[in-house]
Protein backbone atom coordinates (compact mmCIF):
# COMPACT_ATOMS: atom_id res chain seq x y z
CA UNK A 1 0.13 -0.06 0.04
CA UNK A 2 2.82 2.56 0.91
CA UNK A 3 4.20 1.62 -2.31
CA UNK A 4 1.26 2.26 -4.40
CA UNK A 5 0.84 5.39 -2.17
CA UNK A 6 4.63 6.47 -3.47
CA UNK A 7 4.50 5.42 -6.90
CA UNK A 8 1.02 7.47 -7.22
CA UNK A 9 2.66 10.75 -5.78
CA UNK A 10 5.46 10.44 -8.09
CA UNK A 11 3.18 10.09 -10.99
CA UNK A 12 1.15 13.22 -9.55
CA UNK A 13 4.29 15.13 -9.34
CA UNK A 14 5.73 14.35 -13.08
CA UNK A 15 2.36 14.91 -14.56
CA UNK A 16 2.27 18.71 -14.83
CA UNK A 17 5.80 19.00 -16.32
CA UNK A 18 4.69 16.00 -18.96
CA UNK A 19 1.69 17.97 -19.71
CA UNK A 20 3.59 21.01 -20.43
CA UNK A 21 6.04 19.32 -22.78
CA UNK A 22 3.07 17.87 -24.54
CA UNK A 23 1.20 20.98 -24.85
CA UNK A 24 4.24 22.34 -26.11
CA UNK A 25 5.09 20.07 -28.88
CA UNK A 26 1.38 20.30 -30.09
CA UNK A 27 2.36 24.41 -30.04
CA UNK A 28 4.80 23.78 -32.20
CA UNK A 29 3.01 21.22 -34.53
CA UNK A 30 0.11 23.83 -34.98
CA UNK A 31 2.69 27.02 -35.61
CA UNK A 32 4.62 25.02 -38.23
CA UNK A 33 1.83 23.75 -39.94
CA UNK A 34 -0.07 27.10 -39.73
CA UNK A 35 3.07 28.42 -41.48
CA UNK A 36 3.31 25.85 -43.97
CA UNK A 37 -0.42 26.54 -45.43
CA UNK A 38 0.11 30.21 -44.79
CA UNK A 39 3.52 29.89 -47.25
CA UNK A 40 1.44 27.56 -49.27
CA UNK A 41 -1.88 30.27 -49.22
CA UNK A 42 0.35 33.03 -50.36
CA UNK A 43 2.36 31.23 -53.19
CA UNK A 44 -1.09 30.10 -54.65
CA UNK A 45 -2.94 33.17 -54.64
CA UNK A 46 -1.26 34.38 -57.81
CA UNK A 47 -2.98 31.72 -59.18
CA UNK A 48 -6.11 31.38 -57.63
CA UNK A 49 -9.82 32.61 -58.96
CA UNK A 50 -11.95 34.29 -56.23
CA UNK A 51 -14.12 32.38 -55.43
CA UNK A 52 -10.83 30.16 -54.51
CA UNK A 53 -8.67 33.16 -53.08
CA UNK A 54 -12.05 33.10 -50.68
CA UNK A 55 -12.00 29.61 -49.64
CA UNK A 56 -8.39 30.10 -48.95
CA UNK A 57 -8.78 33.10 -46.84
CA UNK A 58 -11.84 31.19 -44.97
CA UNK A 59 -9.12 28.74 -44.32
CA UNK A 60 -6.43 31.30 -42.93
CA UNK A 61 -9.10 33.10 -41.00
CA UNK A 62 -9.76 29.48 -39.11
CA UNK A 63 -5.85 28.71 -38.57
CA UNK A 64 -5.71 32.38 -37.04
CA UNK A 65 -8.46 31.73 -34.64
CA UNK A 66 -7.23 28.18 -33.94
CA UNK A 67 -3.73 30.09 -33.03
CA UNK A 68 -5.29 32.13 -30.74
CA UNK A 69 -7.06 29.69 -29.17
CA UNK A 70 -3.64 28.08 -28.62
CA UNK A 71 -2.20 31.17 -27.40
CA UNK A 72 -4.69 31.73 -24.66
CA UNK A 73 -5.02 27.65 -23.30
CA UNK A 74 -0.87 28.47 -23.29
CA UNK A 75 -1.68 31.43 -21.21
CA UNK A 76 -3.82 29.35 -18.91
CA UNK A 77 -1.56 26.40 -18.23
CA UNK A 78 1.68 28.62 -18.06
CA UNK A 79 -0.53 30.66 -15.57
CA UNK A 80 -1.05 27.75 -13.17
CA UNK A 81 2.85 26.41 -13.07
């Protein structure tokens, strides 16, 4: 029973760091993908019709909104630790 309690305590102590590491990895992936899509969008806008440009703009707005949410969540998480 004591061993189980110690193991549980160790897991609880490590959890915030693991969560922060996973969160950092997720943020990096989102940022990289956003940058990749932004470059692709900028390069292809010259070739697109007006309708396609509107669709690409809509996608970029969604990406920007996701980026904003990630930043807000990150601030909340970092504020707790």
